[in-house]
Amino acid sequence: AQYAVRVWGCEMDYVNPETTALAGIAATEAFFRSIGMPVRLSDIGIGESEIPDLASRITSGGTGTVQSYITCSMQEFTDILRLACNESNHTAAVFDGTVKDGGFFCSNTTIRFK
């Protein structure tokens, strides 16, 4: 939500900061599209059918995890790539450190799936 306010000038919704975060995501996507940059894997020709193979490659056939800021398994990468593939999916980062229905814990961030 802070990114949305500071970068895009979105109004902060203190009661529901997820609304502010979603406004920031929409503004970022609109900007990227305005300069011709793809925002979904489908924009560069990658479809749902290719996601399992991509996730497998990232995690060495599901035998490893990738760790940078966080450790992600093959299933987590599959979920993230599915979100990145479809226009109808949106994500919102809610920094409350809890796991909620339809989401997964990721570096003190709950990513909720629509």
N, C-alpha and C. Protein backbone atom coordinates (compact mmCIF):
# COMPACT_ATOMS: atom_id res chain seq x y z
N ALA A 1 0.82 -1.19 0.00
CA ALA A 1 0.00 0.00 0.00
C ALA A 1 0.87 1.26 0.00
N GLN A 2 1.99 1.21 0.73
CA GLN A 2 2.88 2.38 0.76
C GLN A 2 3.42 2.69 -0.62
N TYR A 3 3.73 1.66 -1.39
CA TYR A 3 4.20 1.84 -2.76
C TYR A 3 3.15 2.59 -3.59
N ALA A 4 1.89 2.18 -3.46
CA ALA A 4 0.80 2.82 -4.21
C ALA A 4 0.69 4.30 -3.87
N VAL A 5 0.81 4.61 -2.60
CA VAL A 5 0.70 6.00 -2.14
C VAL A 5 1.91 6.82 -2.58
N ARG A 6 3.09 6.28 -2.34
CA ARG A 6 4.32 7.05 -2.59
C ARG A 6 4.67 7.17 -4.06
N VAL A 7 4.43 6.12 -4.84
CA VAL A 7 4.83 6.15 -6.25
C VAL A 7 3.71 6.66 -7.15
N TRP A 8 2.50 6.22 -6.91
CA TRP A 8 1.40 6.55 -7.82
C TRP A 8 0.44 7.59 -7.26
N GLY A 9 0.63 8.03 -6.05
CA GLY A 9 -0.23 9.05 -5.48
C GLY A 9 -1.63 8.56 -5.14
N CYS A 10 -1.77 7.24 -4.94
CA CYS A 10 -3.08 6.68 -4.57
C CYS A 10 -3.42 7.13 -3.14
N GLU A 11 -4.69 7.24 -2.90
CA GLU A 11 -5.13 7.61 -1.56
C GLU A 11 -5.06 6.40 -0.65
N MET A 12 -4.51 6.55 0.53
CA MET A 12 -4.38 5.45 1.48
C MET A 12 -5.72 5.15 2.13
N ASP A 13 -6.13 3.90 2.05
CA ASP A 13 -7.33 3.44 2.74
C ASP A 13 -6.87 2.73 4.01
N TYR A 14 -6.92 3.44 5.13
CA TYR A 14 -6.41 2.90 6.38
C TYR A 14 -7.29 1.78 6.93
N VAL A 15 -8.55 1.79 6.58
CA VAL A 15 -9.46 0.75 7.03
C VAL A 15 -9.20 -0.55 6.26
N ASN A 16 -8.93 -0.43 4.96
CA ASN A 16 -8.67 -1.60 4.12
C ASN A 16 -7.46 -1.31 3.23
N PRO A 17 -6.25 -1.49 3.74
CA PRO A 17 -5.04 -1.18 2.97
C PRO A 17 -4.90 -2.04 1.71
N GLU A 18 -5.60 -3.18 1.67
CA GLU A 18 -5.56 -4.02 0.47
C GLU A 18 -6.12 -3.25 -0.73
N THR A 19 -7.13 -2.43 -0.50
CA THR A 19 -7.69 -1.61 -1.57
C THR A 19 -6.64 -0.68 -2.16
N THR A 20 -5.84 -0.09 -1.30
CA THR A 20 -4.76 0.79 -1.75
C THR A 20 -3.71 -0.01 -2.51
N ALA A 21 -3.35 -1.19 -2.00
CA ALA A 21 -2.37 -2.03 -2.69
C ALA A 21 -2.86 -2.43 -4.07
N LEU A 22 -4.13 -2.78 -4.19
CA LEU A 22 -4.69 -3.15 -5.50
C LEU A 22 -4.68 -1.96 -6.46
N ALA A 23 -4.94 -0.77 -5.95
CA ALA A 23 -4.88 0.43 -6.79
C ALA A 23 -3.45 0.65 -7.30
N GLY A 24 -2.47 0.39 -6.46
CA GLY A 24 -1.07 0.50 -6.88
C GLY A 24 -0.70 -0.53 -7.93
N ILE A 25 -1.20 -1.74 -7.77
CA ILE A 25 -0.96 -2.79 -8.78
C ILE A 25 -1.57 -2.38 -10.11
N ALA A 26 -2.81 -1.88 -10.07
CA ALA A 26 -3.48 -1.45 -11.31
C ALA A 26 -2.72 -0.30 -11.97
N ALA A 27 -2.24 0.65 -11.18
CA ALA A 27 -1.49 1.78 -11.73
C ALA A 27 -0.17 1.32 -12.35
N THR A 28 0.49 0.38 -11.69
CA THR A 28 1.75 -0.15 -12.22
C THR A 28 1.51 -0.87 -13.54
N GLU A 29 0.49 -1.72 -13.58
CA GLU A 29 0.17 -2.44 -14.81
C GLU A 29 -0.19 -1.47 -15.93
N ALA A 30 -0.96 -0.45 -15.63
CA ALA A 30 -1.34 0.54 -16.65
C ALA A 30 -0.11 1.25 -17.19
N PHE A 31 0.82 1.60 -16.31
CA PHE A 31 2.05 2.25 -16.76
C PHE A 31 2.85 1.32 -17.66
N PHE A 32 3.05 0.07 -17.21
CA PHE A 32 3.81 -0.87 -18.04
C PHE A 32 3.17 -1.05 -19.40
N ARG A 33 1.85 -1.18 -19.44
CA ARG A 33 1.16 -1.33 -20.73
C ARG A 33 1.32 -0.07 -21.58
N SER A 34 1.34 1.10 -20.96
CA SER A 34 1.47 2.35 -21.72
C SER A 34 2.81 2.46 -22.43
N ILE A 35 3.82 1.76 -21.92
CA ILE A 35 5.13 1.78 -22.59
C ILE A 35 5.39 0.50 -23.37
N GLY A 36 4.34 -0.30 -23.55
CA GLY A 36 4.44 -1.50 -24.37
C GLY A 36 5.10 -2.69 -23.69
N MET A 37 5.17 -2.65 -22.37
CA MET A 37 5.81 -3.75 -21.64
C MET A 37 4.76 -4.79 -21.25
N PRO A 38 5.07 -6.07 -21.45
CA PRO A 38 4.11 -7.11 -21.03
C PRO A 38 4.01 -7.15 -19.52
N VAL A 39 2.81 -7.51 -19.04
CA VAL A 39 2.61 -7.62 -17.60
C VAL A 39 2.16 -9.02 -17.18
N ARG A 40 1.84 -9.86 -18.11
CA ARG A 40 1.43 -11.24 -17.85
C ARG A 40 2.28 -12.17 -18.71
N LEU A 41 2.51 -13.37 -18.24
CA LEU A 41 3.22 -14.34 -19.05
C LEU A 41 2.48 -14.58 -20.37
N SER A 42 1.16 -14.54 -20.32
CA SER A 42 0.37 -14.73 -21.55
C SER A 42 0.65 -13.62 -22.57
N ASP A 43 1.10 -12.46 -22.12
CA ASP A 43 1.44 -11.37 -23.04
C ASP A 43 2.67 -11.71 -23.90
N ILE A 44 3.46 -12.67 -23.44
CA ILE A 44 4.63 -13.08 -24.21
C ILE A 44 4.49 -14.51 -24.72
N GLY A 45 3.24 -14.98 -24.77
CA GLY A 45 2.95 -16.27 -25.38
C GLY A 45 3.12 -17.49 -24.50
N ILE A 46 3.24 -17.30 -23.20
CA ILE A 46 3.36 -18.44 -22.30
C ILE A 46 1.99 -18.72 -21.70
N GLY A 47 1.50 -19.95 -21.89
CA GLY A 47 0.18 -20.33 -21.42
C GLY A 47 0.21 -21.22 -20.20
N GLU A 48 -0.97 -21.48 -19.68
CA GLU A 48 -1.13 -22.33 -18.49
C GLU A 48 -0.49 -23.69 -18.67
N SER A 49 -0.55 -24.24 -19.88
CA SER A 49 -0.02 -25.59 -20.10
C SER A 49 1.49 -25.66 -19.92
N GLU A 50 2.17 -24.53 -20.00
CA GLU A 50 3.63 -24.51 -19.85
C GLU A 50 4.09 -24.30 -18.40
N ILE A 51 3.17 -23.97 -17.53
CA ILE A 51 3.53 -23.64 -16.15
C ILE A 51 4.17 -24.80 -15.39
N PRO A 52 3.62 -26.02 -15.45
CA PRO A 52 4.28 -27.10 -14.71
C PRO A 52 5.74 -27.31 -15.14
N ASP A 53 6.01 -27.21 -16.44
CA ASP A 53 7.38 -27.36 -16.92
C ASP A 53 8.27 -26.23 -16.41
N LEU A 54 7.77 -25.02 -16.44
CA LEU A 54 8.56 -23.88 -15.93
C LEU A 54 8.87 -24.05 -14.45
N ALA A 55 7.86 -24.42 -13.66
CA ALA A 55 8.07 -24.60 -12.22
C ALA A 55 9.06 -25.74 -11.97
N SER A 56 8.97 -26.78 -12.77
CA SER A 56 9.90 -27.90 -12.63
C SER A 56 11.33 -27.48 -12.94
N ARG A 57 11.50 -26.68 -13.98
CA ARG A 57 12.84 -26.21 -14.34
C ARG A 57 13.43 -25.32 -13.25
N ILE A 58 12.59 -24.47 -12.68
CA ILE A 58 13.06 -23.55 -11.63
C ILE A 58 13.54 -24.33 -10.41
N THR A 59 12.88 -25.45 -10.11
CA THR A 59 13.18 -26.20 -8.89
C THR A 59 13.91 -27.52 -9.16
N SER A 60 14.57 -27.62 -10.29
CA SER A 60 15.33 -28.85 -10.64
C SER A 60 14.46 -30.09 -10.54
N GLY A 61 13.33 -30.03 -11.22
CA GLY A 61 12.44 -31.18 -11.23
C GLY A 61 11.69 -31.40 -9.94
N GLY A 62 11.54 -30.36 -9.17
CA GLY A 62 10.82 -30.46 -7.91
C GLY A 62 11.67 -30.99 -6.77
N THR A 63 12.96 -31.21 -7.02
CA THR A 63 13.83 -31.76 -5.98
C THR A 63 14.50 -30.68 -5.14
N GLY A 64 14.38 -29.44 -5.58
CA GLY A 64 15.02 -28.37 -4.85
C GLY A 64 14.09 -27.20 -4.63
N THR A 65 14.56 -26.27 -3.85
CA THR A 65 13.84 -25.02 -3.65
C THR A 65 14.77 -23.90 -4.07
N VAL A 66 14.21 -22.76 -4.31
CA VAL A 66 15.00 -21.60 -4.68
C VAL A 66 14.90 -20.62 -3.52
N GLN A 67 16.03 -20.15 -3.06
CA GLN A 67 16.00 -19.23 -1.94
C GLN A 67 16.71 -17.95 -2.33
N SER A 68 16.03 -16.87 -2.15
CA SER A 68 16.60 -15.54 -2.30
C SER A 68 16.22 -14.83 -1.01
N TYR A 69 15.12 -14.10 -1.05
CA TYR A 69 14.59 -13.52 0.17
C TYR A 69 13.78 -14.55 0.94
N ILE A 70 13.20 -15.47 0.20
CA ILE A 70 12.36 -16.52 0.78
C ILE A 70 12.69 -17.83 0.07
N THR A 71 12.23 -18.93 0.62
CA THR A 71 12.38 -20.23 -0.02
C THR A 71 11.04 -20.61 -0.64
N CYS A 72 11.04 -20.94 -1.92
CA CYS A 72 9.81 -21.32 -2.60
C CYS A 72 9.94 -22.73 -3.16
N SER A 73 8.91 -23.52 -2.98
CA SER A 73 8.86 -24.88 -3.50
C SER A 73 8.30 -24.87 -4.92
N MET A 74 8.30 -26.04 -5.55
CA MET A 74 7.75 -26.16 -6.89
C MET A 74 6.27 -25.76 -6.91
N GLN A 75 5.50 -26.17 -5.90
CA GLN A 75 4.08 -25.81 -5.85
C GLN A 75 3.89 -24.30 -5.72
N GLU A 76 4.71 -23.67 -4.89
CA GLU A 76 4.60 -22.22 -4.75
C GLU A 76 4.93 -21.51 -6.06
N PHE A 77 5.97 -21.98 -6.76
CA PHE A 77 6.28 -21.39 -8.06
C PHE A 77 5.15 -21.63 -9.05
N THR A 78 4.55 -22.81 -9.01
CA THR A 78 3.42 -23.09 -9.89
C THR A 78 2.29 -22.10 -9.63
N ASP A 79 1.98 -21.86 -8.36
CA ASP A 79 0.92 -20.91 -8.00
C ASP A 79 1.26 -19.50 -8.47
N ILE A 80 2.49 -19.08 -8.26
CA ILE A 80 2.92 -17.73 -8.67
C ILE A 80 2.86 -17.59 -10.18
N LEU A 81 3.34 -18.59 -10.90
CA LEU A 81 3.33 -18.53 -12.36
C LEU A 81 1.91 -18.52 -12.91
N ARG A 82 1.00 -19.25 -12.28
CA ARG A 82 -0.41 -19.21 -12.72
C ARG A 82 -0.98 -17.80 -12.56
N LEU A 83 -0.65 -17.15 -11.46
CA LEU A 83 -1.10 -15.78 -11.26
C LEU A 83 -0.52 -14.86 -12.33
N ALA A 84 0.74 -15.08 -12.67
CA ALA A 84 1.41 -14.22 -13.65
C ALA A 84 0.92 -14.46 -15.07
N CYS A 85 0.21 -15.54 -15.27
CA CYS A 85 -0.22 -15.91 -16.62
C CYS A 85 -1.56 -15.30 -17.01
N ASN A 86 -2.44 -15.10 -16.05
CA ASN A 86 -3.82 -14.75 -16.37
C ASN A 86 -4.19 -13.33 -15.99
N GLU A 87 -4.87 -12.68 -16.90
CA GLU A 87 -5.36 -11.31 -16.68
C GLU A 87 -6.36 -11.26 -15.54
N SER A 88 -7.15 -12.31 -15.37
CA SER A 88 -8.21 -12.27 -14.36
C SER A 88 -7.71 -12.46 -12.94
N ASN A 89 -6.45 -12.85 -12.78
CA ASN A 89 -5.90 -13.03 -11.44
C ASN A 89 -5.22 -11.77 -10.97
N HIS A 90 -5.43 -11.43 -9.74
CA HIS A 90 -4.79 -10.27 -9.14
C HIS A 90 -4.17 -10.71 -7.83
N THR A 91 -3.12 -10.04 -7.44
CA THR A 91 -2.51 -10.34 -6.15
C THR A 91 -2.52 -9.08 -5.31
N ALA A 92 -2.50 -9.27 -4.03
CA ALA A 92 -2.37 -8.14 -3.13
C ALA A 92 -1.49 -8.56 -1.97
N ALA A 93 -0.52 -7.76 -1.66
CA ALA A 93 0.37 -8.07 -0.55
C ALA A 93 -0.19 -7.42 0.71
N VAL A 94 -0.42 -8.22 1.71
CA VAL A 94 -0.94 -7.72 2.97
C VAL A 94 0.10 -8.07 4.03
N PHE A 95 0.76 -7.07 4.58
CA PHE A 95 1.89 -7.30 5.46
C PHE A 95 1.47 -7.51 6.90
N ASP A 96 0.67 -8.55 7.12
CA ASP A 96 0.25 -8.84 8.48
C ASP A 96 0.85 -10.15 8.98
N GLY A 97 1.62 -10.84 8.16
CA GLY A 97 2.33 -12.03 8.59
C GLY A 97 1.45 -13.24 8.89
N THR A 98 0.22 -13.26 8.38
CA THR A 98 -0.65 -14.40 8.63
C THR A 98 -0.95 -15.13 7.34
N VAL A 99 -1.35 -16.37 7.49
CA VAL A 99 -1.79 -17.15 6.35
C VAL A 99 -3.31 -17.10 6.33
N LYS A 100 -3.85 -16.76 5.19
CA LYS A 100 -5.30 -16.65 5.08
C LYS A 100 -5.80 -17.65 4.04
N ASP A 101 -7.11 -17.92 4.05
CA ASP A 101 -7.69 -18.82 3.06
C ASP A 101 -7.35 -18.32 1.67
N GLY A 102 -6.93 -19.24 0.82
CA GLY A 102 -6.62 -18.89 -0.56
C GLY A 102 -5.28 -18.21 -0.73
N GLY A 103 -4.41 -18.26 0.28
CA GLY A 103 -3.12 -17.60 0.16
C GLY A 103 -2.01 -18.45 0.73
N PHE A 104 -0.81 -17.95 0.66
CA PHE A 104 0.30 -18.65 1.28
C PHE A 104 1.25 -17.65 1.90
N PHE A 105 1.92 -18.09 2.94
CA PHE A 105 2.84 -17.23 3.67
C PHE A 105 4.13 -17.09 2.88
N CYS A 106 4.58 -15.88 2.74
CA CYS A 106 5.74 -15.64 1.92
C CYS A 106 6.45 -14.39 2.43
N SER A 107 7.51 -14.56 3.20
CA SER A 107 8.32 -13.45 3.69
C SER A 107 7.48 -12.37 4.38
N ASN A 108 6.72 -12.76 5.38
CA ASN A 108 5.83 -11.85 6.10
C ASN A 108 4.78 -11.21 5.21
N THR A 109 4.47 -11.85 4.11
CA THR A 109 3.48 -11.33 3.18
C THR A 109 2.46 -12.40 2.88
N THR A 110 1.21 -12.08 2.96
CA THR A 110 0.17 -13.00 2.52
C THR A 110 -0.23 -12.58 1.12
N ILE A 111 -0.13 -13.51 0.19
CA ILE A 111 -0.57 -13.23 -1.18
C ILE A 111 -1.89 -13.93 -1.36
N ARG A 112 -2.91 -13.15 -1.62
CA ARG A 112 -4.25 -13.71 -1.73
C ARG A 112 -4.60 -13.87 -3.20
N PHE A 113 -5.23 -15.00 -3.51
CA PHE A 113 -5.62 -15.31 -4.88
C PHE A 113 -7.09 -15.00 -5.06
N LYS A 114 -7.41 -14.42 -6.18
CA LYS A 114 -8.80 -14.12 -6.49
C LYS A 114 -9.45 -15.36 -7.08
